[in-house]
Amino acid sequence: MEKQRLSLRIESERLEKLRRISDQRRKTMTQLIEEWIDRLEEKPS
């Protein structure tokens, strides 16, 4: 699957938290965000 870039604005405190958690879990920030997106449930349309 083709990867695309996502750009967003986030508060610096949240960005630092994401960096700390990614270091603790030895995952990239991209991996953490992708895992979170995958857990989101879609409502049937």
C-alpha atoms as a PDB file:
ATOM      1  CA  MET A   1       0.000   0.000   0.000  1.00  0.00           C
ATOM      2  CA  GLU A   2       1.295   3.418  -0.922  1.00  0.00           C
ATOM      3  CA  LYS A   3       2.285   5.637   1.980  1.00  0.00           C
ATOM      4  CA  GLN A   4       1.250   9.266   2.037  1.00  0.00           C
ATOM      5  CA  ARG A   5       2.340  12.127   4.235  1.00  0.00           C
ATOM      6  CA  LEU A   6       0.117  13.568   6.944  1.00  0.00           C
ATOM      7  CA  SER A   7       0.862  17.015   8.292  1.00  0.00           C
ATOM      8  CA  LEU A   8      -0.826  18.376  11.384  1.00  0.00           C
ATOM      9  CA  ARG A   9      -0.411  20.962  14.077  1.00  0.00           C
ATOM     10  CA  ILE A  10      -0.106  19.733  17.633  1.00  0.00           C
ATOM     11  CA  GLU A  11       0.747  21.349  20.950  1.00  0.00           C
ATOM     12  CA  SER A  12       4.382  20.937  21.879  1.00  0.00           C
ATOM     13  CA  GLU A  13       3.482  19.125  25.116  1.00  0.00           C
ATOM     14  CA  ARG A  14       1.580  16.487  23.171  1.00  0.00           C
ATOM     15  CA  LEU A  15       4.379  16.091  20.681  1.00  0.00           C
ATOM     16  CA  GLU A  16       6.881  15.581  23.484  1.00  0.00           C
ATOM     17  CA  LYS A  17       4.582  13.034  25.102  1.00  0.00           C
ATOM     18  CA  LEU A  18       4.334  11.153  21.816  1.00  0.00           C
ATOM     19  CA  ARG A  19       8.131  11.182  21.498  1.00  0.00           C
ATOM     20  CA  ARG A  20       8.574   9.856  25.050  1.00  0.00           C
ATOM     21  CA  ILE A  21       6.040   7.083  24.551  1.00  0.00           C
ATOM     22  CA  SER A  22       7.532   6.084  21.214  1.00  0.00           C
ATOM     23  CA  ASP A  23      10.967   5.843  22.861  1.00  0.00           C
ATOM     24  CA  GLN A  24       9.582   3.810  25.774  1.00  0.00           C
ATOM     25  CA  ARG A  25       7.811   1.379  23.456  1.00  0.00           C
ATOM     26  CA  ARG A  26      10.634   1.353  20.903  1.00  0.00           C
ATOM     27  CA  LYS A  27       8.263   2.273  18.105  1.00  0.00           C
ATOM     28  CA  THR A  28       8.161   5.161  15.710  1.00  0.00           C
ATOM     29  CA  MET A  29       5.624   7.911  16.159  1.00  0.00           C
ATOM     30  CA  THR A  30       4.137   6.804  12.844  1.00  0.00           C
ATOM     31  CA  GLN A  31       3.672   3.275  14.175  1.00  0.00           C
ATOM     32  CA  LEU A  32       1.901   4.566  17.282  1.00  0.00           C
ATOM     33  CA  ILE A  33      -0.436   6.779  15.282  1.00  0.00           C
ATOM     34  CA  GLU A  34      -1.198   4.013  12.770  1.00  0.00           C
ATOM     35  CA  GLU A  35      -2.021   1.604  15.618  1.00  0.00           C
ATOM     36  CA  TRP A  36      -4.349   4.185  17.154  1.00  0.00           C
ATOM     37  CA  ILE A  37      -6.100   4.749  13.815  1.00  0.00           C
ATOM     38  CA  ASP A  38      -6.499   0.992  13.336  1.00  0.00           C
ATOM     39  CA  ARG A  39      -8.285   0.730  16.708  1.00  0.00           C
ATOM     40  CA  LEU A  40     -10.887   3.351  15.763  1.00  0.00           C
ATOM     41  CA  GLU A  41     -14.269   1.857  15.026  1.00  0.00           C
ATOM     42  CA  GLU A  42     -16.258   3.053  12.065  1.00  0.00           C
ATOM     43  CA  LYS A  43     -19.997   3.360  12.364  1.00  0.00           C
ATOM     44  CA  PRO A  44     -21.968   1.656   9.616  1.00  0.00           C
ATOM     45  CA  SER A  45     -23.253   4.108   7.059  1.00  0.00           C
END
